[in-house]
Amino acid sequence: DLNVDADREQALLLQHDIILFQHPFYWYSAPAIIKQWQD
């Protein structure tokens, strides 16, 4: 539903050293949920 849990995601980021966004290159960018995640 694109309802990203920011606290959960931040905790995941803190547990890792390298963050990779894997996705098809849609319209010179990424699928919508990655923008939602970033926001």
Full PDB file with SEQRES, HELIX, SHEET, SSBOND, CRYST1, ORIGX, SCALE, CONECT and MASTER records, all heavy atoms in Angstrom:
SEQRES   1 A   39  ASP LEU ASN VAL ASP ALA ASP ARG GLU GLN ALA LEU LEU          
SEQRES   2 A   39  LEU GLN HIS ASP ILE ILE LEU PHE GLN HIS PRO PHE TYR          
SEQRES   3 A   39  TRP TYR SER ALA PRO ALA ILE ILE LYS GLN TRP GLN ASP          
HELIX    1 AA1 ALA A    6  LEU A   14  1                                   9    
HELIX    2 AA2 ALA A   32  GLN A   38  1                                   7    
CRYST1    1.000    1.000    1.000  90.00  90.00  90.00 P 1           1          
ORIGX1      1.000000  0.000000  0.000000        0.00000                         
ORIGX2      0.000000  1.000000  0.000000        0.00000                         
ORIGX3      0.000000  0.000000  1.000000        0.00000                         
SCALE1      1.000000  0.000000  0.000000        0.00000                         
SCALE2      0.000000  1.000000  0.000000        0.00000                         
SCALE3      0.000000  0.000000  1.000000        0.00000                         
ATOM      1  N   ASP A   1       0.819  -1.217   0.000  1.00  0.00           N  
ATOM      2  CA  ASP A   1       0.000   0.000   0.000  1.00  0.00           C  
ATOM      3  C   ASP A   1       0.850   1.264   0.000  1.00  0.00           C  
ATOM      4  O   ASP A   1       0.322   2.381   0.126  1.00  0.00           O  
ATOM      5  CB  ASP A   1      -0.931   0.005   1.211  1.00  0.00           C  
ATOM      6  CG  ASP A   1      -0.168  -0.150   2.534  1.00  0.00           C  
ATOM      7  OD1 ASP A   1       1.084  -0.265   2.494  1.00  0.00           O  
ATOM      8  OD2 ASP A   1      -0.803  -0.158   3.592  1.00  0.00           O  
ATOM      9  N   LEU A   2       2.179   1.091  -0.142  1.00  0.00           N  
ATOM     10  CA  LEU A   2       3.157   2.198  -0.125  1.00  0.00           C  
ATOM     11  C   LEU A   2       3.251   2.908   1.215  1.00  0.00           C  
ATOM     12  O   LEU A   2       3.844   3.981   1.323  1.00  0.00           O  
ATOM     13  CB  LEU A   2       2.854   3.226  -1.230  1.00  0.00           C  
ATOM     14  CG  LEU A   2       2.803   2.730  -2.666  1.00  0.00           C  
ATOM     15  CD1 LEU A   2       2.699   3.913  -3.626  1.00  0.00           C  
ATOM     16  CD2 LEU A   2       4.004   1.875  -3.021  1.00  0.00           C  
ATOM     17  N   ASN A   3       2.676   2.315   2.256  1.00  0.00           N  
ATOM     18  CA  ASN A   3       2.711   2.932   3.582  1.00  0.00           C  
ATOM     19  C   ASN A   3       3.995   2.516   4.303  1.00  0.00           C  
ATOM     20  O   ASN A   3       4.010   1.633   5.155  1.00  0.00           O  
ATOM     21  CB  ASN A   3       1.481   2.506   4.388  1.00  0.00           C  
ATOM     22  CG  ASN A   3       1.357   3.268   5.703  1.00  0.00           C  
ATOM     23  OD1 ASN A   3       1.910   4.360   5.849  1.00  0.00           O  
ATOM     24  ND2 ASN A   3       0.646   2.694   6.651  1.00  0.00           N  
ATOM     25  N   VAL A   4       5.078   3.174   3.944  1.00  0.00           N  
ATOM     26  CA  VAL A   4       6.408   2.821   4.437  1.00  0.00           C  
ATOM     27  C   VAL A   4       6.562   3.169   5.921  1.00  0.00           C  
ATOM     28  O   VAL A   4       6.243   4.277   6.347  1.00  0.00           O  
ATOM     29  CB  VAL A   4       7.497   3.542   3.614  1.00  0.00           C  
ATOM     30  CG1 VAL A   4       8.883   3.250   4.167  1.00  0.00           C  
ATOM     31  CG2 VAL A   4       7.405   3.126   2.147  1.00  0.00           C  
ATOM     32  N   ASP A   5       7.056   2.224   6.693  1.00  0.00           N  
ATOM     33  CA  ASP A   5       7.303   2.410   8.123  1.00  0.00           C  
ATOM     34  C   ASP A   5       8.703   2.999   8.297  1.00  0.00           C  
ATOM     35  O   ASP A   5       9.710   2.293   8.232  1.00  0.00           O  
ATOM     36  CB  ASP A   5       7.191   1.055   8.833  1.00  0.00           C  
ATOM     37  CG  ASP A   5       7.344   1.151  10.346  1.00  0.00           C  
ATOM     38  OD1 ASP A   5       7.955   2.136  10.832  1.00  0.00           O  
ATOM     39  OD2 ASP A   5       6.877   0.237  11.050  1.00  0.00           O  
ATOM     40  N   ALA A   6       8.776   4.290   8.519  1.00  0.00           N  
ATOM     41  CA  ALA A   6      10.062   4.985   8.585  1.00  0.00           C  
ATOM     42  C   ALA A   6      10.947   4.464   9.715  1.00  0.00           C  
ATOM     43  O   ALA A   6      12.157   4.289   9.541  1.00  0.00           O  
ATOM     44  CB  ALA A   6       9.847   6.485   8.736  1.00  0.00           C  
ATOM     45  N   ASP A   7      10.360   4.211  10.879  1.00  0.00           N  
ATOM     46  CA  ASP A   7      11.156   3.738  12.018  1.00  0.00           C  
ATOM     47  C   ASP A   7      11.787   2.382  11.710  1.00  0.00           C  
ATOM     48  O   ASP A   7      12.958   2.145  12.023  1.00  0.00           O  
ATOM     49  CB  ASP A   7      10.284   3.627  13.267  1.00  0.00           C  
ATOM     50  CG  ASP A   7       9.856   4.984  13.804  1.00  0.00           C  
ATOM     51  OD1 ASP A   7      10.533   5.981  13.494  1.00  0.00           O  
ATOM     52  OD2 ASP A   7       8.844   5.049  14.521  1.00  0.00           O  
ATOM     53  N   ARG A   8      11.010   1.496  11.113  1.00  0.00           N  
ATOM     54  CA  ARG A   8      11.517   0.172  10.757  1.00  0.00           C  
ATOM     55  C   ARG A   8      12.656   0.281   9.745  1.00  0.00           C  
ATOM     56  O   ARG A   8      13.684  -0.391   9.865  1.00  0.00           O  
ATOM     57  CB  ARG A   8      10.397  -0.682  10.175  1.00  0.00           C  
ATOM     58  CG  ARG A   8      10.850  -2.039   9.674  1.00  0.00           C  
ATOM     59  CD  ARG A   8       9.709  -2.805   9.027  1.00  0.00           C  
ATOM     60  NE  ARG A   8      10.135  -4.114   8.562  1.00  0.00           N  
ATOM     61  CZ  ARG A   8       9.346  -5.002   7.980  1.00  0.00           C  
ATOM     62  NH1 ARG A   8       8.066  -4.718   7.806  1.00  0.00           N  
ATOM     63  NH2 ARG A   8       9.819  -6.161   7.579  1.00  0.00           N  
ATOM     64  N   GLU A   9      12.468   1.147   8.749  1.00  0.00           N  
ATOM     65  CA  GLU A   9      13.475   1.299   7.703  1.00  0.00           C  
ATOM     66  C   GLU A   9      14.747   1.945   8.232  1.00  0.00           C  
ATOM     67  O   GLU A   9      15.853   1.564   7.853  1.00  0.00           O  
ATOM     68  CB  GLU A   9      12.901   2.110   6.536  1.00  0.00           C  
ATOM     69  CG  GLU A   9      11.705   1.461   5.838  1.00  0.00           C  
ATOM     70  CD  GLU A   9      12.039   0.085   5.300  1.00  0.00           C  
ATOM     71  OE1 GLU A   9      13.023  -0.046   4.541  1.00  0.00           O  
ATOM     72  OE2 GLU A   9      11.332  -0.877   5.655  1.00  0.00           O  
ATOM     73  N   GLN A  10      14.592   2.914   9.109  1.00  0.00           N  
ATOM     74  CA  GLN A  10      15.777   3.553   9.695  1.00  0.00           C  
ATOM     75  C   GLN A  10      16.582   2.556  10.528  1.00  0.00           C  
ATOM     76  O   GLN A  10      17.822   2.547  10.489  1.00  0.00           O  
ATOM     77  CB  GLN A  10      15.356   4.750  10.541  1.00  0.00           C  
ATOM     78  CG  GLN A  10      14.867   5.927   9.703  1.00  0.00           C  
ATOM     79  CD  GLN A  10      14.347   7.068  10.552  1.00  0.00           C  
ATOM     80  OE1 GLN A  10      14.276   6.980  11.774  1.00  0.00           O  
ATOM     81  NE2 GLN A  10      13.961   8.167   9.894  1.00  0.00           N  
ATOM     82  N   ALA A  11      15.887   1.698  11.250  1.00  0.00           N  
ATOM     83  CA  ALA A  11      16.575   0.673  12.037  1.00  0.00           C  
ATOM     84  C   ALA A  11      17.355  -0.271  11.124  1.00  0.00           C  
ATOM     85  O   ALA A  11      18.490  -0.659  11.446  1.00  0.00           O  
ATOM     86  CB  ALA A  11      15.565  -0.110  12.873  1.00  0.00           C  
ATOM     87  N   LEU A  12      16.774  -0.634   9.979  1.00  0.00           N  
ATOM     88  CA  LEU A  12      17.466  -1.490   9.014  1.00  0.00           C  
ATOM     89  C   LEU A  12      18.720  -0.811   8.477  1.00  0.00           C  
ATOM     90  O   LEU A  12      19.774  -1.433   8.341  1.00  0.00           O  
ATOM     91  CB  LEU A  12      16.534  -1.819   7.844  1.00  0.00           C  
ATOM     92  CG  LEU A  12      15.747  -3.123   7.898  1.00  0.00           C  
ATOM     93  CD1 LEU A  12      14.831  -3.224   6.694  1.00  0.00           C  
ATOM     94  CD2 LEU A  12      16.665  -4.325   7.981  1.00  0.00           C  
ATOM     95  N   LEU A  13      18.604   0.465   8.166  1.00  0.00           N  
ATOM     96  CA  LEU A  13      19.749   1.208   7.636  1.00  0.00           C  
ATOM     97  C   LEU A  13      20.898   1.226   8.643  1.00  0.00           C  
ATOM     98  O   LEU A  13      22.067   1.082   8.271  1.00  0.00           O  
ATOM     99  CB  LEU A  13      19.341   2.630   7.281  1.00  0.00           C  
ATOM    100  CG  LEU A  13      18.391   2.799   6.093  1.00  0.00           C  
ATOM    101  CD1 LEU A  13      17.987   4.264   5.941  1.00  0.00           C  
ATOM    102  CD2 LEU A  13      19.028   2.294   4.810  1.00  0.00           C  
ATOM    103  N   LEU A  14      20.582   1.414   9.904  1.00  0.00           N  
ATOM    104  CA  LEU A  14      21.615   1.484  10.928  1.00  0.00           C  
ATOM    105  C   LEU A  14      22.352   0.159  11.097  1.00  0.00           C  
ATOM    106  O   LEU A  14      23.505   0.133  11.535  1.00  0.00           O  
ATOM    107  CB  LEU A  14      20.995   1.909  12.270  1.00  0.00           C  
ATOM    108  CG  LEU A  14      20.469   3.345  12.341  1.00  0.00           C  
ATOM    109  CD1 LEU A  14      19.807   3.593  13.687  1.00  0.00           C  
ATOM    110  CD2 LEU A  14      21.571   4.355  12.081  1.00  0.00           C  
ATOM    111  N   GLN A  15      21.704  -0.936  10.714  1.00  0.00           N  
ATOM    112  CA  GLN A  15      22.296  -2.265  10.867  1.00  0.00           C  
ATOM    113  C   GLN A  15      23.201  -2.658   9.697  1.00  0.00           C  
ATOM    114  O   GLN A  15      23.828  -3.716   9.731  1.00  0.00           O  
ATOM    115  CB  GLN A  15      21.188  -3.310  11.006  1.00  0.00           C  
ATOM    116  CG  GLN A  15      20.359  -3.177  12.261  1.00  0.00           C  
ATOM    117  CD  GLN A  15      19.079  -4.001  12.196  1.00  0.00           C  
ATOM    118  OE1 GLN A  15      18.967  -4.934  11.399  1.00  0.00           O  
ATOM    119  NE2 GLN A  15      18.111  -3.646  13.019  1.00  0.00           N  
ATOM    120  N   HIS A  16      23.255  -1.820   8.657  1.00  0.00           N  
ATOM    121  CA  HIS A  16      24.007  -2.170   7.453  1.00  0.00           C  
ATOM    122  C   HIS A  16      24.998  -1.069   7.075  1.00  0.00           C  
ATOM    123  O   HIS A  16      24.827   0.096   7.441  1.00  0.00           O  
ATOM    124  CB  HIS A  16      23.045  -2.437   6.295  1.00  0.00           C  
ATOM    125  CG  HIS A  16      22.201  -3.657   6.507  1.00  0.00           C  
ATOM    126  ND1 HIS A  16      21.052  -3.632   7.283  1.00  0.00           N  
ATOM    127  CD2 HIS A  16      22.346  -4.939   6.073  1.00  0.00           C  
ATOM    128  CE1 HIS A  16      20.523  -4.846   7.304  1.00  0.00           C  
ATOM    129  NE2 HIS A  16      21.285  -5.658   6.585  1.00  0.00           N  
ATOM    130  N   ASP A  17      26.013  -1.473   6.328  1.00  0.00           N  
ATOM    131  CA  ASP A  17      27.084  -0.559   5.929  1.00  0.00           C  
ATOM    132  C   ASP A  17      26.927  -0.058   4.494  1.00  0.00           C  
ATOM    133  O   ASP A  17      27.355   1.046   4.166  1.00  0.00           O  
ATOM    134  CB  ASP A  17      28.442  -1.269   6.045  1.00  0.00           C  
ATOM    135  CG  ASP A  17      28.631  -1.917   7.404  1.00  0.00           C  
ATOM    136  OD1 ASP A  17      28.690  -1.167   8.396  1.00  0.00           O  
ATOM    137  OD2 ASP A  17      28.700  -3.156   7.468  1.00  0.00           O  
ATOM    138  N   ILE A  18      26.342  -0.898   3.632  1.00  0.00           N  
ATOM    139  CA  ILE A  18      26.176  -0.576   2.212  1.00  0.00           C  
ATOM    140  C   ILE A  18      24.706  -0.702   1.851  1.00  0.00           C  
ATOM    141  O   ILE A  18      24.082  -1.735   2.114  1.00  0.00           O  
ATOM    142  CB  ILE A  18      27.019  -1.517   1.329  1.00  0.00           C  
ATOM    143  CG1 ILE A  18      28.507  -1.395   1.685  1.00  0.00           C  
ATOM    144  CG2 ILE A  18      26.806  -1.204  -0.149  1.00  0.00           C  
ATOM    145  CD1 ILE A  18      29.388  -2.422   0.993  1.00  0.00           C  
ATOM    146  N   ILE A  19      24.146   0.346   1.253  1.00  0.00           N  
ATOM    147  CA  ILE A  19      22.735   0.376   0.881  1.00  0.00           C  
ATOM    148  C   ILE A  19      22.643   0.403  -0.642  1.00  0.00           C  
ATOM    149  O   ILE A  19      23.141   1.340  -1.280  1.00  0.00           O  
ATOM    150  CB  ILE A  19      22.025   1.628   1.447  1.00  0.00           C  
ATOM    151  CG1 ILE A  19      22.441   1.890   2.904  1.00  0.00           C  
ATOM    152  CG2 ILE A  19      20.515   1.513   1.270  1.00  0.00           C  
ATOM    153  CD1 ILE A  19      22.174   0.772   3.867  1.00  0.00           C  
ATOM    154  N   LEU A  20      22.003  -0.598  -1.225  1.00  0.00           N  
ATOM    155  CA  LEU A  20      21.856  -0.667  -2.675  1.00  0.00           C  
ATOM    156  C   LEU A  20      20.381  -0.646  -3.066  1.00  0.00           C  
ATOM    157  O   LEU A  20      19.593  -1.445  -2.558  1.00  0.00           O  
ATOM    158  CB  LEU A  20      22.507  -1.941  -3.221  1.00  0.00           C  
ATOM    159  CG  LEU A  20      24.012  -2.106  -2.978  1.00  0.00           C  
ATOM    160  CD1 LEU A  20      24.474  -3.455  -3.507  1.00  0.00           C  
ATOM    161  CD2 LEU A  20      24.793  -0.974  -3.631  1.00  0.00           C  
ATOM    162  N   PHE A  21      20.019   0.269  -3.952  1.00  0.00           N  
ATOM    163  CA  PHE A  21      18.678   0.302  -4.511  1.00  0.00           C  
ATOM    164  C   PHE A  21      18.674  -0.547  -5.780  1.00  0.00           C  
ATOM    165  O   PHE A  21      19.321  -0.192  -6.770  1.00  0.00           O  
ATOM    166  CB  PHE A  21      18.263   1.736  -4.870  1.00  0.00           C  
ATOM    167  CG  PHE A  21      18.085   2.644  -3.683  1.00  0.00           C  
ATOM    168  CD1 PHE A  21      19.087   3.517  -3.290  1.00  0.00           C  
ATOM    169  CD2 PHE A  21      16.900   2.635  -2.964  1.00  0.00           C  
ATOM    170  CE1 PHE A  21      18.928   4.353  -2.206  1.00  0.00           C  
ATOM    171  CE2 PHE A  21      16.719   3.473  -1.868  1.00  0.00           C  
ATOM    172  CZ  PHE A  21      17.736   4.335  -1.489  1.00  0.00           C  
ATOM    173  N   GLN A  22      17.971  -1.668  -5.758  1.00  0.00           N  
ATOM    174  CA  GLN A  22      17.896  -2.522  -6.942  1.00  0.00           C  
ATOM    175  C   GLN A  22      16.533  -2.356  -7.593  1.00  0.00           C  
ATOM    176  O   GLN A  22      15.500  -2.581  -6.961  1.00  0.00           O  
ATOM    177  CB  GLN A  22      18.117  -3.992  -6.569  1.00  0.00           C  
ATOM    178  CG  GLN A  22      18.053  -4.917  -7.794  1.00  0.00           C  
ATOM    179  CD  GLN A  22      18.273  -6.376  -7.447  1.00  0.00           C  
ATOM    180  OE1 GLN A  22      18.842  -6.704  -6.411  1.00  0.00           O  
ATOM    181  NE2 GLN A  22      17.813  -7.257  -8.314  1.00  0.00           N  
ATOM    182  N   HIS A  23      16.532  -2.000  -8.893  1.00  0.00           N  
ATOM    183  CA  HIS A  23      15.263  -1.699  -9.556  1.00  0.00           C  
ATOM    184  C   HIS A  23      15.447  -1.597 -11.064  1.00  0.00           C  
ATOM    185  O   HIS A  23      16.556  -1.340 -11.548  1.00  0.00           O  
ATOM    186  CB  HIS A  23      14.721  -0.366  -9.042  1.00  0.00           C  
ATOM    187  CG  HIS A  23      15.679   0.782  -9.207  1.00  0.00           C  
ATOM    188  ND1 HIS A  23      15.702   1.583 -10.323  1.00  0.00           N  
ATOM    189  CD2 HIS A  23      16.666   1.248  -8.398  1.00  0.00           C  
ATOM    190  CE1 HIS A  23      16.647   2.499 -10.190  1.00  0.00           C  
ATOM    191  NE2 HIS A  23      17.251   2.314  -9.033  1.00  0.00           N  
ATOM    192  N   PRO A  24      14.367  -1.756 -11.815  1.00  0.00           N  
ATOM    193  CA  PRO A  24      14.427  -1.455 -13.250  1.00  0.00           C  
ATOM    194  C   PRO A  24      14.529   0.056 -13.417  1.00  0.00           C  
ATOM    195  O   PRO A  24      14.070   0.824 -12.568  1.00  0.00           O  
ATOM    196  CB  PRO A  24      13.096  -1.996 -13.784  1.00  0.00           C  
ATOM    197  CG  PRO A  24      12.180  -1.986 -12.602  1.00  0.00           C  
ATOM    198  CD  PRO A  24      13.039  -2.262 -11.404  1.00  0.00           C  
ATOM    199  N   PHE A  25      15.129   0.481 -14.506  1.00  0.00           N  
ATOM    200  CA  PHE A  25      15.361   1.908 -14.754  1.00  0.00           C  
ATOM    201  C   PHE A  25      14.142   2.485 -15.465  1.00  0.00           C  
ATOM    202  O   PHE A  25      14.149   2.689 -16.676  1.00  0.00           O  
ATOM    203  CB  PHE A  25      16.627   2.060 -15.601  1.00  0.00           C  
ATOM    204  CG  PHE A  25      17.287   3.399 -15.471  1.00  0.00           C  
ATOM    205  CD1 PHE A  25      17.464   3.995 -14.246  1.00  0.00           C  
ATOM    206  CD2 PHE A  25      17.772   4.061 -16.603  1.00  0.00           C  
ATOM    207  CE1 PHE A  25      18.100   5.226 -14.124  1.00  0.00           C  
ATOM    208  CE2 PHE A  25      18.402   5.289 -16.504  1.00  0.00           C  
ATOM    209  CZ  PHE A  25      18.562   5.870 -15.263  1.00  0.00           C  
ATOM    210  N   TYR A  26      13.075   2.736 -14.702  1.00  0.00           N  
ATOM    211  CA  TYR A  26      11.816   3.230 -15.258  1.00  0.00           C  
ATOM    212  C   TYR A  26      11.900   4.730 -15.556  1.00  0.00           C  
ATOM    213  O   TYR A  26      12.135   5.522 -14.650  1.00  0.00           O  
ATOM    214  CB  TYR A  26      10.677   2.984 -14.272  1.00  0.00           C  
ATOM    215  CG  TYR A  26      10.134   1.571 -14.251  1.00  0.00           C  
ATOM    216  CD1 TYR A  26       9.130   1.219 -13.370  1.00  0.00           C  
ATOM    217  CD2 TYR A  26      10.615   0.581 -15.100  1.00  0.00           C  
ATOM    218  CE1 TYR A  26       8.601  -0.058 -13.336  1.00  0.00           C  
ATOM    219  CE2 TYR A  26      10.104  -0.703 -15.073  1.00  0.00           C  
ATOM    220  CZ  TYR A  26       9.102  -1.015 -14.195  1.00  0.00           C  
ATOM    221  OH  TYR A  26       8.590  -2.295 -14.161  1.00  0.00           O  
ATOM    222  N   TRP A  27      11.676   5.114 -16.790  1.00  0.00           N  
ATOM    223  CA  TRP A  27      11.668   6.525 -17.177  1.00  0.00           C  
ATOM    224  C   TRP A  27      12.840   7.289 -16.569  1.00  0.00           C  
ATOM    225  O   TRP A  27      12.667   8.329 -15.937  1.00  0.00           O  
ATOM    226  CB  TRP A  27      10.326   7.176 -16.828  1.00  0.00           C  
ATOM    227  CG  TRP A  27       9.244   6.736 -17.761  1.00  0.00           C  
ATOM    228  CD1 TRP A  27       8.240   5.849 -17.522  1.00  0.00           C  
ATOM    229  CD2 TRP A  27       9.087   7.150 -19.130  1.00  0.00           C  
ATOM    230  NE1 TRP A  27       7.472   5.678 -18.644  1.00  0.00           N  
ATOM    231  CE2 TRP A  27       7.968   6.471 -19.647  1.00  0.00           C  
ATOM    232  CE3 TRP A  27       9.798   8.032 -19.961  1.00  0.00           C  
ATOM    233  CZ2 TRP A  27       7.536   6.627 -20.963  1.00  0.00           C  
ATOM    234  CZ3 TRP A  27       9.364   8.185 -21.267  1.00  0.00           C  
ATOM    235  CH2 TRP A  27       8.241   7.503 -21.745  1.00  0.00           C  
ATOM    236  N   TYR A  28      14.031   6.714 -16.734  1.00  0.00           N  
ATOM    237  CA  TYR A  28      15.275   7.340 -16.279  1.00  0.00           C  
ATOM    238  C   TYR A  28      15.328   7.499 -14.761  1.00  0.00           C  
ATOM    239  O   TYR A  28      16.063   8.324 -14.235  1.00  0.00           O  
ATOM    240  CB  TYR A  28      15.481   8.700 -16.948  1.00  0.00           C  
ATOM    241  CG  TYR A  28      15.315   8.655 -18.444  1.00  0.00           C  
ATOM    242  CD1 TYR A  28      14.232   9.270 -19.068  1.00  0.00           C  
ATOM    243  CD2 TYR A  28      16.217   7.963 -19.250  1.00  0.00           C  
ATOM    244  CE1 TYR A  28      14.069   9.203 -20.455  1.00  0.00           C  
ATOM    245  CE2 TYR A  28      16.058   7.890 -20.619  1.00  0.00           C  
ATOM    246  CZ  TYR A  28      14.983   8.511 -21.218  1.00  0.00           C  
ATOM    247  OH  TYR A  28      14.828   8.443 -22.580  1.00  0.00           O  
ATOM    248  N   SER A  29      14.559   6.702 -14.066  1.00  0.00           N  
ATOM    249  CA  SER A  29      14.518   6.812 -12.610  1.00  0.00           C  
ATOM    250  C   SER A  29      14.159   5.452 -12.012  1.00  0.00           C  
ATOM    251  O   SER A  29      14.509   4.428 -12.574  1.00  0.00           O  
ATOM    252  CB  SER A  29      13.490   7.884 -12.212  1.00  0.00           C  
ATOM    253  OG  SER A  29      13.533   8.129 -10.825  1.00  0.00           O  
ATOM    254  N   ALA A  30      13.463   5.472 -10.898  1.00  0.00           N  
ATOM    255  CA  ALA A  30      13.135   4.246 -10.171  1.00  0.00           C  
ATOM    256  C   ALA A  30      11.625   4.124  -9.978  1.00  0.00           C  
ATOM    257  O   ALA A  30      10.895   5.121 -10.092  1.00  0.00           O  
ATOM    258  CB  ALA A  30      13.826   4.264  -8.810  1.00  0.00           C  
ATOM    259  N   PRO A  31      11.128   2.926  -9.684  1.00  0.00           N  
ATOM    260  CA  PRO A  31       9.707   2.757  -9.371  1.00  0.00           C  
ATOM    261  C   PRO A  31       9.278   3.653  -8.216  1.00  0.00           C  
ATOM    262  O   PRO A  31      10.087   4.040  -7.366  1.00  0.00           O  
ATOM    263  CB  PRO A  31       9.607   1.272  -8.998  1.00  0.00           C  
ATOM    264  CG  PRO A  31      10.719   0.626  -9.766  1.00  0.00           C  
ATOM    265  CD  PRO A  31      11.837   1.630  -9.727  1.00  0.00           C  
ATOM    266  N   ALA A  32       7.995   3.954  -8.166  1.00  0.00           N  
ATOM    267  CA  ALA A  32       7.455   4.970  -7.260  1.00  0.00           C  
ATOM    268  C   ALA A  32       7.763   4.729  -5.789  1.00  0.00           C  
ATOM    269  O   ALA A  32       7.976   5.680  -5.022  1.00  0.00           O  
ATOM    270  CB  ALA A  32       5.946   5.083  -7.459  1.00  0.00           C  
ATOM    271  N   ILE A  33       7.807   3.471  -5.369  1.00  0.00           N  
ATOM    272  CA  ILE A  33       7.978   3.213  -3.938  1.00  0.00           C  
ATOM    273  C   ILE A  33       9.346   3.663  -3.434  1.00  0.00           C  
ATOM    274  O   ILE A  33       9.505   3.968  -2.250  1.00  0.00           O  
ATOM    275  CB  ILE A  33       7.740   1.720  -3.621  1.00  0.00           C  
ATOM    276  CG1 ILE A  33       7.489   1.546  -2.109  1.00  0.00           C  
ATOM    277  CG2 ILE A  33       8.898   0.843  -4.102  1.00  0.00           C  
ATOM    278  CD1 ILE A  33       6.980   0.183  -1.729  1.00  0.00           C  
ATOM    279  N   ILE A  34      10.332   3.725  -4.310  1.00  0.00           N  
ATOM    280  CA  ILE A  34      11.652   4.192  -3.863  1.00  0.00           C  
ATOM    281  C   ILE A  34      11.603   5.679  -3.524  1.00  0.00           C  
ATOM    282  O   ILE A  34      12.181   6.133  -2.528  1.00  0.00           O  
ATOM    283  CB  ILE A  34      12.728   3.886  -4.920  1.00  0.00           C  
ATOM    284  CG1 ILE A  34      13.002   2.371  -4.936  1.00  0.00           C  
ATOM    285  CG2 ILE A  34      14.019   4.655  -4.638  1.00  0.00           C  
ATOM    286  CD1 ILE A  34      14.106   1.931  -5.850  1.00  0.00           C  
ATOM    287  N   LYS A  35      10.883   6.465  -4.314  1.00  0.00           N  
ATOM    288  CA  LYS A  35      10.712   7.884  -3.986  1.00  0.00           C  
ATOM    289  C   LYS A  35       9.931   8.040  -2.683  1.00  0.00           C  
ATOM    290  O   LYS A  35      10.268   8.869  -1.835  1.00  0.00           O  
ATOM    291  CB  LYS A  35       9.982   8.606  -5.122  1.00  0.00           C  
ATOM    292  CG  LYS A  35       9.819  10.111  -4.902  1.00  0.00           C  
ATOM    293  CD  LYS A  35      11.177  10.806  -4.844  1.00  0.00           C  
ATOM    294  CE  LYS A  35      11.048  12.323  -4.953  1.00  0.00           C  
ATOM    295  NZ  LYS A  35      10.311  12.922  -3.806  1.00  0.00           N  
ATOM    296  N   GLN A  36       8.892   7.217  -2.518  1.00  0.00           N  
ATOM    297  CA  GLN A  36       8.120   7.242  -1.273  1.00  0.00           C  
ATOM    298  C   GLN A  36       9.009   6.884  -0.089  1.00  0.00           C  
ATOM    299  O   GLN A  36       8.961   7.530   0.962  1.00  0.00           O  
ATOM    300  CB  GLN A  36       6.953   6.246  -1.380  1.00  0.00           C  
ATOM    301  CG  GLN A  36       6.113   6.094  -0.121  1.00  0.00           C  
ATOM    302  CD  GLN A  36       5.119   7.216   0.061  1.00  0.00           C  
ATOM    303  OE1 GLN A  36       5.264   8.294  -0.521  1.00  0.00           O  
ATOM    304  NE2 GLN A  36       4.101   6.988   0.879  1.00  0.00           N  
ATOM    305  N   TRP A  37       9.844   5.885  -0.274  1.00  0.00           N  
ATOM    306  CA  TRP A  37      10.774   5.471   0.776  1.00  0.00           C  
ATOM    307  C   TRP A  37      11.706   6.622   1.142  1.00  0.00           C  
ATOM    308  O   TRP A  37      11.920   6.921   2.326  1.00  0.00           O  
ATOM    309  CB  TRP A  37      11.565   4.255   0.291  1.00  0.00           C  
ATOM    310  CG  TRP A  37      12.497   3.642   1.277  1.00  0.00           C  
ATOM    311  CD1 TRP A  37      12.255   2.577   2.097  1.00  0.00           C  
ATOM    312  CD2 TRP A  37      13.845   4.062   1.556  1.00  0.00           C  
ATOM    313  NE1 TRP A  37      13.370   2.306   2.865  1.00  0.00           N  
ATOM    314  CE2 TRP A  37      14.351   3.201   2.549  1.00  0.00           C  
ATOM    315  CE3 TRP A  37      14.658   5.073   1.054  1.00  0.00           C  
ATOM    316  CZ2 TRP A  37      15.648   3.327   3.054  1.00  0.00           C  
ATOM    317  CZ3 TRP A  37      15.947   5.207   1.554  1.00  0.00           C  
ATOM    318  CH2 TRP A  37      16.418   4.346   2.541  1.00  0.00           C  
ATOM    319  N   GLN A  38      12.281   7.264   0.141  1.00  0.00           N  
ATOM    320  CA  GLN A  38      13.202   8.371   0.396  1.00  0.00           C  
ATOM    321  C   GLN A  38      12.504   9.510   1.135  1.00  0.00           C  
ATOM    322  O   GLN A  38      13.058  10.083   2.082  1.00  0.00           O  
ATOM    323  CB  GLN A  38      13.785   8.881  -0.923  1.00  0.00           C  
ATOM    324  CG  GLN A  38      14.727   7.898  -1.597  1.00  0.00           C  
ATOM    325  CD  GLN A  38      15.148   8.356  -2.979  1.00  0.00           C  
ATOM    326  OE1 GLN A  38      14.382   8.992  -3.699  1.00  0.00           O  
ATOM    327  NE2 GLN A  38      16.373   8.027  -3.357  1.00  0.00           N  
ATOM    328  N   ASP A  39      11.298   9.847   0.688  1.00  0.00           N  
ATOM    329  CA  ASP A  39      10.557  10.961   1.295  1.00  0.00           C  
ATOM    330  C   ASP A  39      10.271  10.725   2.773  1.00  0.00           C  
ATOM    331  O   ASP A  39      10.305  11.666   3.585  1.00  0.00           O  
ATOM    332  CB  ASP A  39       9.236  11.185   0.561  1.00  0.00           C  
ATOM    333  CG  ASP A  39       9.418  11.747  -0.835  1.00  0.00           C  
ATOM    334  OD1 ASP A  39      10.521  12.235  -1.140  1.00  0.00           O  
ATOM    335  OD2 ASP A  39       8.456  11.695  -1.625  1.00  0.00           O  
TER     336      ASP A  39                                                      
MASTER        0    0    0    2    0    0    0    6  335    1    0    3          
END                                                                             
